[in-house]
N, C-alpha and C. Protein backbone atom coordinates (compact mmCIF):
# COMPACT_ATOMS: atom_id res chain seq x y z
N MET A 1 -123.37 68.04 58.93
CA MET A 1 -124.15 67.90 60.29
C MET A 1 -125.00 68.56 61.05
N GLY A 2 -125.72 68.29 61.74
CA GLY A 2 -127.00 69.23 62.17
C GLY A 2 -126.53 68.53 64.09
N LEU A 3 -127.24 69.79 64.71
CA LEU A 3 -127.39 69.39 66.23
C LEU A 3 -128.54 68.94 65.40
N ARG A 4 -129.60 68.11 66.85
CA ARG A 4 -131.02 67.35 67.12
C ARG A 4 -131.71 67.71 68.45
N THR A 5 -132.81 67.75 68.34
CA THR A 5 -133.30 68.20 69.89
C THR A 5 -133.29 66.84 70.09
N VAL A 6 -133.40 66.67 71.56
CA VAL A 6 -133.49 65.41 72.20
C VAL A 6 -134.68 65.35 72.82
N ARG A 7 -135.51 64.19 72.92
CA ARG A 7 -137.25 64.26 72.66
C ARG A 7 -137.17 63.78 74.78
N LYS A 8 -138.11 64.39 75.03
CA LYS A 8 -138.34 64.21 76.51
C LYS A 8 -139.27 63.63 77.13
N GLU A 9 -139.29 62.91 78.38
CA GLU A 9 -140.05 61.93 78.75
C GLU A 9 -141.42 62.17 78.45
N GLY A 10 -142.22 61.17 78.06
CA GLY A 10 -143.67 61.50 77.44
C GLY A 10 -143.59 61.66 75.97
N ASP A 11 -142.95 61.45 75.69
CA ASP A 11 -143.00 61.74 74.00
C ASP A 11 -143.04 60.31 73.64
N GLU A 12 -144.09 59.29 72.97
CA GLU A 12 -144.18 58.38 72.55
C GLU A 12 -143.10 57.70 71.71
N ILE A 13 -142.14 58.55 70.86
CA ILE A 13 -141.59 57.20 70.42
C ILE A 13 -139.85 56.65 71.58
N LEU A 14 -140.19 57.58 72.77
CA LEU A 14 -139.18 56.76 73.77
C LEU A 14 -139.35 55.42 74.18
N LYS A 15 -141.15 55.44 73.92
CA LYS A 15 -141.07 53.98 74.49
C LYS A 15 -141.62 53.10 73.72
N LYS A 16 -140.75 52.96 72.11
CA LYS A 16 -141.08 51.97 70.86
C LYS A 16 -139.85 51.55 70.89
N LYS A 17 -139.90 49.89 70.38
CA LYS A 17 -138.74 49.35 70.00
C LYS A 17 -138.24 49.61 68.55
N CYS A 18 -137.12 50.10 68.81
CA CYS A 18 -136.20 50.52 67.28
C CYS A 18 -135.99 49.52 66.33
N LYS A 19 -136.05 49.47 64.70
CA LYS A 19 -135.85 48.99 63.33
C LYS A 19 -134.34 48.83 63.33
N ILE A 20 -134.15 47.38 62.97
CA ILE A 20 -132.63 46.88 62.59
C ILE A 20 -132.60 47.69 61.62
N VAL A 21 -131.08 48.14 61.56
CA VAL A 21 -130.37 49.34 60.26
C VAL A 21 -129.83 48.36 59.20
N ASN A 22 -130.57 47.65 58.02
CA ASN A 22 -130.47 46.58 57.05
C ASN A 22 -129.17 47.60 55.74
N GLU A 23 -129.05 48.47 56.09
CA GLU A 23 -128.00 49.25 54.93
C GLU A 23 -127.62 50.15 55.54
N ILE A 24 -126.48 50.22 55.06
CA ILE A 24 -125.45 51.63 56.48
C ILE A 24 -124.99 52.40 54.41
N ASN A 25 -126.30 53.98 54.89
CA ASN A 25 -125.81 54.65 53.38
C ASN A 25 -125.49 56.19 54.11
N PRO A 26 -126.14 56.87 53.02
CA PRO A 26 -125.39 57.94 53.34
C PRO A 26 -126.31 59.00 54.87
N ALA A 27 -127.43 58.62 54.47
CA ALA A 27 -128.65 59.16 55.69
C ALA A 27 -127.99 58.13 56.88
N ILE A 28 -127.40 57.15 57.19
CA ILE A 28 -127.13 56.94 58.10
C ILE A 28 -125.62 57.31 59.03
N ILE A 29 -124.84 57.74 58.00
CA ILE A 29 -123.76 58.24 58.58
C ILE A 29 -124.03 59.61 58.30
N GLU A 30 -124.73 60.73 58.05
CA GLU A 30 -125.71 61.74 58.49
C GLU A 30 -126.48 62.06 59.91
N LEU A 31 -127.16 60.66 59.94
CA LEU A 31 -127.48 60.15 61.75
C LEU A 31 -125.94 60.25 62.57
N LEU A 32 -125.28 59.36 62.41
CA LEU A 32 -124.07 59.29 63.49
C LEU A 32 -123.27 60.42 63.80
N ASP A 33 -123.49 60.99 62.75
CA ASP A 33 -122.50 62.77 62.38
C ASP A 33 -123.58 64.02 63.33
N ASP A 34 -124.63 63.85 63.25
CA ASP A 34 -125.51 64.38 64.29
C ASP A 34 -125.67 63.79 65.26
N MET A 35 -125.79 62.64 65.29
CA MET A 35 -126.11 61.83 66.72
C MET A 35 -124.68 62.48 68.09
N ARG A 36 -123.76 62.57 66.94
CA ARG A 36 -121.88 62.78 67.62
C ARG A 36 -121.88 64.27 67.89
N GLN A 37 -122.76 65.45 67.23
CA GLN A 37 -122.64 66.83 67.46
C GLN A 37 -123.46 66.85 68.40
N THR A 38 -124.66 66.30 68.52
CA THR A 38 -125.80 66.56 69.96
C THR A 38 -124.46 66.37 71.33
N LEU A 39 -124.36 64.50 71.13
CA LEU A 39 -123.81 64.34 71.98
C LEU A 39 -122.67 65.60 72.67
N THR A 40 -121.62 65.82 71.92
CA THR A 40 -120.57 66.67 72.32
C THR A 40 -121.23 68.02 72.36
N GLN A 41 -122.67 68.47 72.01
CA GLN A 41 -122.85 70.06 72.44
C GLN A 41 -123.33 70.17 73.69
N LEU A 42 -123.96 68.70 74.03
CA LEU A 42 -124.47 68.72 75.89
C LEU A 42 -123.99 67.91 76.50
N ASP A 43 -122.90 67.85 75.70
CA ASP A 43 -122.03 67.21 77.25
C ASP A 43 -122.18 65.72 77.45
N ALA A 44 -122.54 65.18 76.63
CA ALA A 44 -122.99 63.96 77.59
C ALA A 44 -122.23 62.46 77.63
N VAL A 45 -122.20 61.55 77.45
CA VAL A 45 -121.55 60.33 77.45
C VAL A 45 -121.84 59.49 76.76
N GLY A 46 -123.63 59.66 76.07
CA GLY A 46 -123.93 58.76 75.59
C GLY A 46 -125.68 58.84 74.98
N ILE A 47 -125.99 58.76 73.29
CA ILE A 47 -127.57 59.20 73.08
C ILE A 47 -127.61 57.72 72.19
N ALA A 48 -129.28 57.47 71.96
CA ALA A 48 -129.46 56.53 71.37
C ALA A 48 -130.66 56.82 70.04
N ALA A 49 -130.54 56.86 69.29
CA ALA A 49 -131.19 57.33 68.04
C ALA A 49 -133.08 57.77 68.43
N PRO A 50 -133.59 56.92 69.23
CA PRO A 50 -134.93 56.88 69.62
C PRO A 50 -134.65 58.62 70.79
N GLN A 51 -133.88 59.19 71.08
CA GLN A 51 -133.62 59.90 71.46
C GLN A 51 -133.75 61.94 71.38
N ILE A 52 -133.34 61.44 70.19
CA ILE A 52 -133.18 62.15 68.77
C ILE A 52 -134.45 61.95 67.54
N GLY A 53 -135.58 61.26 67.85
CA GLY A 53 -136.74 61.06 67.19
C GLY A 53 -136.44 59.94 65.81
N THR A 54 -135.60 59.47 65.97
CA THR A 54 -135.27 58.36 65.01
C THR A 54 -135.34 56.47 65.35
N LEU A 55 -136.47 55.70 65.23
CA LEU A 55 -136.34 54.71 65.10
C LEU A 55 -135.51 53.78 64.89
N LYS A 56 -134.33 53.78 64.83
CA LYS A 56 -132.99 53.10 64.54
C LYS A 56 -132.28 52.48 65.33
N ARG A 57 -131.62 51.45 65.42
CA ARG A 57 -131.01 50.74 66.74
C ARG A 57 -129.42 51.17 65.70
N ILE A 58 -129.46 52.45 66.76
CA ILE A 58 -128.33 53.09 66.76
C ILE A 58 -127.56 53.74 67.88
N VAL A 59 -126.61 53.72 68.39
CA VAL A 59 -126.25 54.55 69.86
C VAL A 59 -124.68 54.93 69.53
N VAL A 60 -124.24 55.83 70.28
CA VAL A 60 -122.95 57.07 69.60
C VAL A 60 -122.71 57.05 71.39
N ILE A 61 -121.54 56.41 71.95
CA ILE A 61 -121.07 57.03 73.10
C ILE A 61 -119.77 57.50 73.07
N ASP A 62 -119.12 58.41 73.90
CA ASP A 62 -118.16 59.13 73.72
C ASP A 62 -117.54 58.96 75.43
N PHE A 63 -116.49 57.73 75.81
CA PHE A 63 -116.23 57.57 76.95
C PHE A 63 -114.46 57.70 76.52
N GLU A 64 -114.05 58.12 77.72
CA GLU A 64 -112.06 58.23 77.93
C GLU A 64 -111.95 58.70 76.10
N ASP A 65 -112.38 59.26 75.74
CA ASP A 65 -111.77 59.97 74.68
C ASP A 65 -112.05 58.49 73.18
N GLU A 66 -112.59 57.61 73.40
CA GLU A 66 -112.93 56.72 72.19
C GLU A 66 -114.27 57.10 71.48
N LEU A 67 -114.86 57.12 70.60
CA LEU A 67 -115.95 57.22 70.05
C LEU A 67 -116.72 56.22 69.71
N TYR A 68 -117.76 55.33 70.26
CA TYR A 68 -118.13 54.21 69.98
C TYR A 68 -119.69 54.59 68.80
N GLU A 69 -119.70 53.84 67.93
CA GLU A 69 -120.97 54.22 67.34
C GLU A 69 -121.24 52.61 66.88
N LEU A 70 -122.23 52.36 67.49
CA LEU A 70 -123.11 50.77 67.38
C LEU A 70 -124.14 51.11 66.51
N ILE A 71 -123.89 50.33 65.71
CA ILE A 71 -125.50 49.75 64.58
C ILE A 71 -125.69 48.87 64.79
N ASN A 72 -127.12 48.64 65.52
CA ASN A 72 -127.41 47.14 65.72
C ASN A 72 -126.52 46.52 66.53
N PRO A 73 -126.80 47.10 68.21
CA PRO A 73 -125.53 46.75 69.20
C PRO A 73 -126.24 45.64 69.83
N GLU A 74 -125.43 44.66 70.32
CA GLU A 74 -126.44 43.36 71.11
C GLU A 74 -125.16 43.09 72.25
N ILE A 75 -126.37 42.90 73.19
CA ILE A 75 -125.29 42.20 74.13
C ILE A 75 -125.02 40.75 74.19
N ILE A 76 -123.89 40.39 74.07
CA ILE A 76 -123.47 38.66 73.86
C ILE A 76 -123.41 38.49 74.40
N GLU A 77 -122.80 38.77 75.90
CA GLU A 77 -122.28 37.80 76.98
C GLU A 77 -122.16 39.08 78.07
N GLU A 78 -122.75 38.80 79.44
CA GLU A 78 -122.29 39.29 80.30
C GLU A 78 -122.26 38.82 82.09
N GLU A 79 -121.95 39.41 82.58
CA GLU A 79 -120.88 39.01 83.70
C GLU A 79 -121.28 39.82 85.22
N GLY A 80 -121.40 39.06 86.31
CA GLY A 80 -121.05 39.87 87.73
C GLY A 80 -122.36 41.02 87.65
N GLU A 81 -122.40 42.25 88.64
CA GLU A 81 -123.26 42.92 88.81
C GLU A 81 -123.03 44.10 89.26
N GLN A 82 -123.75 45.45 89.39
CA GLN A 82 -123.55 46.22 90.13
C GLN A 82 -124.38 47.54 90.07
N VAL A 83 -124.80 48.05 90.84
CA VAL A 83 -125.52 49.17 91.02
C VAL A 83 -124.72 50.67 90.65
N CYS A 84 -125.61 51.63 89.52
CA CYS A 84 -125.11 52.38 88.85
C CYS A 84 -126.30 53.47 89.24
N ASN A 85 -125.63 54.68 89.63
CA ASN A 85 -126.69 56.03 89.82
C ASN A 85 -126.97 56.60 88.05
N GLU A 86 -128.24 56.89 87.64
CA GLU A 86 -128.09 57.14 86.25
C GLU A 86 -128.74 58.25 86.00
N ALA A 87 -128.81 59.15 85.13
CA ALA A 87 -129.31 60.07 84.56
C ALA A 87 -129.43 60.13 82.94
N CYS A 88 -130.63 60.52 82.61
CA CYS A 88 -130.44 61.05 81.33
C CYS A 88 -130.53 61.90 80.45
N LEU A 89 -130.11 62.59 79.33
CA LEU A 89 -131.08 63.46 78.79
C LEU A 89 -132.40 63.55 78.27
N SER A 90 -132.75 62.49 78.17
CA SER A 90 -134.58 61.99 78.08
C SER A 90 -135.21 62.84 78.75
N ILE A 91 -134.76 62.38 80.06
CA ILE A 91 -135.71 62.75 81.31
C ILE A 91 -134.74 63.34 82.66
N PRO A 92 -135.03 65.01 82.25
CA PRO A 92 -134.42 66.13 82.75
C PRO A 92 -134.33 66.18 84.10
N GLY A 93 -133.60 66.15 85.02
CA GLY A 93 -134.53 66.44 86.41
C GLY A 93 -134.28 65.61 87.45
N ARG A 94 -134.17 63.67 87.14
CA ARG A 94 -134.15 63.03 87.92
C ARG A 94 -132.88 62.11 87.56
N CYS A 95 -132.59 61.17 88.96
CA CYS A 95 -131.30 60.34 88.62
C CYS A 95 -131.72 59.42 89.48
N GLY A 96 -131.52 57.98 89.18
CA GLY A 96 -132.01 56.83 90.04
C GLY A 96 -130.83 55.96 89.87
N ASP A 97 -130.57 55.03 90.78
CA ASP A 97 -130.38 53.53 90.83
C ASP A 97 -130.69 52.36 89.99
N VAL A 98 -130.02 51.84 89.07
CA VAL A 98 -130.24 51.02 88.57
C VAL A 98 -129.48 49.73 88.28
N THR A 99 -129.67 48.57 88.64
CA THR A 99 -129.06 47.21 88.82
C THR A 99 -128.31 46.97 87.11
N ARG A 100 -127.04 47.22 86.81
CA ARG A 100 -126.66 46.29 85.77
C ARG A 100 -125.16 45.37 85.75
N PRO A 101 -125.04 44.45 85.21
CA PRO A 101 -124.06 43.82 85.13
C PRO A 101 -122.65 44.79 85.14
N ARG A 102 -121.92 44.33 85.88
CA ARG A 102 -120.62 45.05 85.97
C ARG A 102 -119.61 44.20 84.63
N GLU A 103 -119.72 43.49 83.60
CA GLU A 103 -118.84 42.84 82.59
C GLU A 103 -120.04 42.76 81.34
N ILE A 104 -119.87 43.60 79.89
CA ILE A 104 -120.22 43.21 78.83
C ILE A 104 -119.61 42.95 77.70
N THR A 105 -120.20 41.94 76.95
CA THR A 105 -120.05 42.19 75.64
C THR A 105 -120.45 42.52 74.98
N VAL A 106 -120.20 43.23 73.53
CA VAL A 106 -121.34 43.65 72.79
C VAL A 106 -120.79 43.71 71.02
N LYS A 107 -121.81 43.60 70.41
CA LYS A 107 -121.28 42.90 69.28
C LYS A 107 -122.16 44.16 68.09
N ALA A 108 -121.48 45.17 67.52
CA ALA A 108 -122.66 45.44 66.70
C ALA A 108 -121.67 46.07 65.63
N LEU A 109 -122.35 46.68 64.42
CA LEU A 109 -121.47 47.27 63.20
C LEU A 109 -121.21 48.81 63.91
N ASN A 110 -120.18 48.97 62.72
CA ASN A 110 -119.40 50.47 62.71
C ASN A 110 -119.87 50.97 61.51
N ARG A 111 -120.06 52.43 61.31
CA ARG A 111 -120.03 52.96 60.17
C ARG A 111 -119.88 52.49 58.64
N GLU A 112 -118.55 51.90 58.94
CA GLU A 112 -118.23 51.14 57.56
C GLU A 112 -118.84 49.93 57.12
N GLY A 113 -119.48 49.15 58.11
CA GLY A 113 -120.40 47.89 58.24
C GLY A 113 -119.65 46.90 58.78
N GLU A 114 -118.70 47.19 59.06
CA GLU A 114 -117.67 45.99 59.88
C GLU A 114 -118.44 45.82 61.21
N GLU A 115 -117.98 44.04 61.63
CA GLU A 115 -118.95 43.53 62.64
C GLU A 115 -117.33 43.65 63.91
N LYS A 116 -118.11 44.05 64.61
CA LYS A 116 -117.30 44.86 65.70
C LYS A 116 -117.64 44.36 67.02
N THR A 117 -116.53 43.58 68.00
CA THR A 117 -117.01 42.83 69.59
C THR A 117 -116.45 44.08 70.78
N ILE A 118 -116.94 44.16 71.53
CA ILE A 118 -116.24 45.15 72.40
C ILE A 118 -116.60 44.77 73.88
N GLU A 119 -115.46 45.45 74.50
CA GLU A 119 -115.52 44.20 75.96
C GLU A 119 -115.44 45.80 76.99
N ALA A 120 -116.31 45.67 77.61
CA ALA A 120 -117.19 46.78 78.34
C ALA A 120 -117.12 46.06 79.85
N ASP A 121 -116.41 47.33 81.09
CA ASP A 121 -116.29 46.95 82.01
C ASP A 121 -117.24 48.16 82.92
N ASP A 122 -117.44 48.43 84.63
CA ASP A 122 -117.62 49.42 85.04
C ASP A 122 -118.95 50.54 84.23
N PHE A 123 -117.74 51.49 84.50
CA PHE A 123 -118.56 52.72 83.68
C PHE A 123 -119.68 52.33 82.51
N LEU A 124 -118.76 52.43 81.28
CA LEU A 124 -118.76 51.70 79.81
C LEU A 124 -120.00 50.80 80.21
N THR A 125 -119.66 49.48 80.68
CA THR A 125 -121.17 48.84 80.85
C THR A 125 -122.34 49.80 80.71
N SER A 126 -122.32 50.37 82.14
CA SER A 126 -123.30 51.47 82.61
C SER A 126 -124.26 52.01 81.59
N ILE A 127 -123.17 52.83 80.88
CA ILE A 127 -123.73 53.17 79.68
C ILE A 127 -123.95 52.74 78.15
N MET A 128 -123.45 51.93 78.03
CA MET A 128 -123.83 50.62 77.00
C MET A 128 -125.26 50.27 77.32
N CYS A 129 -125.34 49.41 78.62
CA CYS A 129 -126.68 49.20 78.83
C CYS A 129 -128.10 49.98 78.72
N HIS A 130 -127.22 51.17 79.15
CA HIS A 130 -128.34 52.50 78.76
C HIS A 130 -128.69 52.61 78.23
N GLU A 131 -128.10 52.81 76.53
CA GLU A 131 -128.35 53.12 75.60
C GLU A 131 -128.53 51.99 74.74
N ILE A 132 -128.53 50.70 74.51
CA ILE A 132 -129.41 49.78 74.37
C ILE A 132 -130.53 49.55 74.95
N ASP A 133 -131.20 50.08 76.16
CA ASP A 133 -132.02 49.92 76.41
C ASP A 133 -133.00 50.76 75.77
N HIS A 134 -132.46 51.63 75.45
CA HIS A 134 -133.37 53.08 74.94
C HIS A 134 -133.88 52.25 73.66
N LEU A 135 -132.74 51.05 72.28
CA LEU A 135 -133.66 50.99 71.44
C LEU A 135 -134.32 49.93 71.72
N ASP A 136 -135.00 49.79 73.03
CA ASP A 136 -136.00 48.43 72.62
C ASP A 136 -136.91 49.29 74.00
N GLY A 137 -137.17 51.09 73.80
CA GLY A 137 -137.81 51.36 74.08
C GLY A 137 -138.23 51.54 76.11
N VAL A 138 -136.75 51.36 76.40
CA VAL A 138 -137.08 51.03 78.06
C VAL A 138 -136.11 52.74 78.46
N LEU A 139 -136.73 52.86 79.50
CA LEU A 139 -136.14 53.98 79.81
C LEU A 139 -135.35 53.49 81.21
N PHE A 140 -134.53 54.61 81.88
CA PHE A 140 -134.16 54.12 83.58
C PHE A 140 -135.05 53.90 84.26
N ILE A 141 -135.64 54.72 84.74
CA ILE A 141 -136.52 55.10 85.19
C ILE A 141 -137.81 53.95 85.37
N ASP A 142 -137.90 53.34 84.07
CA ASP A 142 -138.23 51.80 84.03
C ASP A 142 -137.77 50.68 85.17
N LYS A 143 -136.72 51.01 85.14
CA LYS A 143 -135.75 50.16 86.10
C LYS A 143 -135.40 50.64 87.48
N ALA A 144 -135.42 52.37 87.49
CA ALA A 144 -134.92 52.27 88.67
C ALA A 144 -135.37 52.24 90.33
N THR A 145 -134.39 52.09 90.69
CA THR A 145 -135.09 52.76 92.45
C THR A 145 -134.08 53.70 93.07
N ASN A 146 -134.42 54.22 94.30
CA ASN A 146 -134.23 55.23 94.85
C ASN A 146 -134.13 56.81 93.65
N ILE A 147 -135.21 56.97 92.86
CA ILE A 147 -134.97 57.99 92.30
C ILE A 147 -135.11 59.03 92.66
N GLN A 148 -134.60 60.02 92.63
CA GLN A 148 -134.35 61.42 93.05
C GLN A 148 -134.40 62.50 92.42
N MET A 149 -135.02 63.96 92.68
CA MET A 149 -134.79 65.10 91.66
C MET A 149 -133.27 65.62 92.07
N ILE A 150 -133.13 66.08 90.82
CA ILE A 150 -131.81 67.17 91.07
C ILE A 150 -132.41 67.94 90.14
N ASN A 151 -131.42 69.26 90.32
CA ASN A 151 -131.47 70.67 90.09
C ASN A 151 -130.16 70.71 88.49
N GLU A 152 -130.40 71.81 88.29
CA GLU A 152 -129.11 71.66 87.56
C GLU A 152 -127.79 71.86 87.88
N GLU A 153 -127.50 72.97 89.00
CA GLU A 153 -126.43 72.60 89.86
C GLU A 153 -125.68 70.83 90.20
N GLN A 154 -126.53 69.79 90.43
CA GLN A 154 -126.00 68.89 90.81
C GLN A 154 -126.29 68.44 89.70
N MET A 155 -126.70 68.22 88.56
CA MET A 155 -126.48 68.14 87.22
C MET A 155 -124.96 68.06 86.46
N ARG A 156 -124.70 69.41 87.14
CA ARG A 156 -123.06 69.87 86.84
C ARG A 156 -121.84 69.39 87.35
N ALA A 157 -122.68 69.36 88.60
CA ALA A 157 -121.69 68.26 89.49
C ALA A 157 -121.60 67.16 89.23
N ARG A 158 -122.80 65.80 88.59
CA ARG A 158 -122.37 65.03 88.29
C ARG A 158 -121.75 65.00 86.94
N LYS A 159 -121.96 66.02 85.89
CA LYS A 159 -120.72 66.25 84.81
C LYS A 159 -119.21 66.00 85.61
N ARG A 160 -119.30 66.99 86.68
CA ARG A 160 -117.84 67.10 86.77
C ARG A 160 -116.75 65.88 87.49
N ALA A 161 -117.80 65.12 88.64
CA ALA A 161 -117.82 63.97 89.06
C ALA A 161 -117.69 62.58 87.66
N ARG A 162 -118.16 62.54 87.05
CA ARG A 162 -118.04 61.42 85.81
C ARG A 162 -116.70 61.74 85.12
N LYS A 163 -116.13 63.20 85.16
CA LYS A 163 -115.03 63.01 84.29
C LYS A 163 -114.33 63.25 85.41
N LYS A 164 -114.05 63.30 86.24
CA LYS A 164 -112.89 63.03 87.08
C LYS A 164 -112.80 61.72 87.43
N ARG A 165 -114.03 60.73 87.30
CA ARG A 165 -114.06 59.30 87.45
C ARG A 165 -113.60 58.74 85.93
N ILE A 166 -113.50 59.41 84.89
CA ILE A 166 -113.10 59.03 83.68
C ILE A 166 -111.61 59.33 83.59
N ALA A 167 -111.28 60.52 83.71
CA ALA A 167 -109.40 60.69 83.76
C ALA A 167 -108.76 60.03 85.04
N GLU A 168 -109.55 59.41 86.09
CA GLU A 168 -108.77 58.52 86.81
C GLU A 168 -108.83 57.28 86.35
N ARG A 169 -109.66 57.13 85.35
CA ARG A 169 -110.02 55.25 85.18
C ARG A 169 -108.40 55.60 84.38
N LYS A 170 -108.33 56.17 83.51
CA LYS A 170 -107.25 56.71 82.27
C LYS A 170 -105.84 56.66 82.77
N LEU A 171 -105.60 57.12 84.25
CA LEU A 171 -104.57 57.28 84.66
C LEU A 171 -104.27 55.57 85.31
N LYS A 172 -105.40 54.88 85.84
CA LYS A 172 -104.91 53.92 86.51
C LYS A 172 -104.52 52.54 85.44
N LYS A 173 -104.97 52.70 83.74
CA LYS A 173 -104.76 51.88 82.64
C LYS A 173 -103.68 52.84 82.43
N GLN A 174 -102.69 53.69 82.52
CA GLN A 174 -101.91 54.14 81.88
C GLN A 174 -100.60 53.64 82.81
N GLY A 175 -101.20 53.30 84.17
CA GLY A 175 -100.38 52.70 85.48
C GLY A 175 -100.20 53.67 86.21
N VAL A 176 -100.46 54.91 86.33
CA VAL A 176 -100.02 55.85 87.26
C VAL A 176 -101.16 55.94 88.54
N TYR A 177 -100.85 56.38 89.68
CA TYR A 177 -101.53 55.94 90.78
C TYR A 177 -102.23 57.39 90.97
N THR A 178 -103.32 56.94 91.42
CA THR A 178 -104.77 58.01 91.67
C THR A 178 -105.35 58.12 92.43
N GLY A 179 -104.75 57.18 93.63
CA GLY A 179 -105.27 57.38 95.58
C GLY A 179 -104.47 58.52 95.76
N THR A 180 -104.70 58.68 97.20
CA THR A 180 -104.70 59.37 98.09
C THR A 180 -103.37 58.87 99.34
N ARG A 181 -102.50 59.90 99.28
CA ARG A 181 -101.17 59.35 99.54
C ARG A 181 -101.62 59.05 101.41
N ARG A 182 -100.67 58.06 101.84
CA ARG A 182 -101.46 57.96 103.51
C ARG A 182 -99.77 58.55 104.24
N ARG A 183 -99.83 59.25 105.50
CA ARG A 183 -98.63 59.81 106.11
C ARG A 183 -98.66 58.91 107.50
């Protein structure tokens, strides 16, 4: 496994449409492993293959202690609407509001070549849509409004807030109340 360099805004590969993966071979498995290591090293939740210079329809997401390795992902159903404040590894120093579906169903292959269907909502929907957009050469700033500059401390605060939201969501799923008490 190897840590890969994340391509930044201005790199033409980020604006290109990715090719479908026709065969899951050792090179694809190595790419998945490298994407996972890069994601972990950067303490991020999602990465798409073009962000590391590979024009393949592959996304890796680490969310709520679950790893999603999506090969040829396709949104087959969507419902509702939400506005998400997004940032991106490839566009450091900026964030913005993007309108996304509230719920989606995604069909993709896993590393074993098995077709999987994933139902996502809220934050996971935002992550999946963001990463799948990368596969079509679409960056969040192409869709965003209210784009703002953010510094390194603000990025760290965003990551802390994201981890807190994820932890609260996990507790809610377990039936543990996470709100504040009224007196």
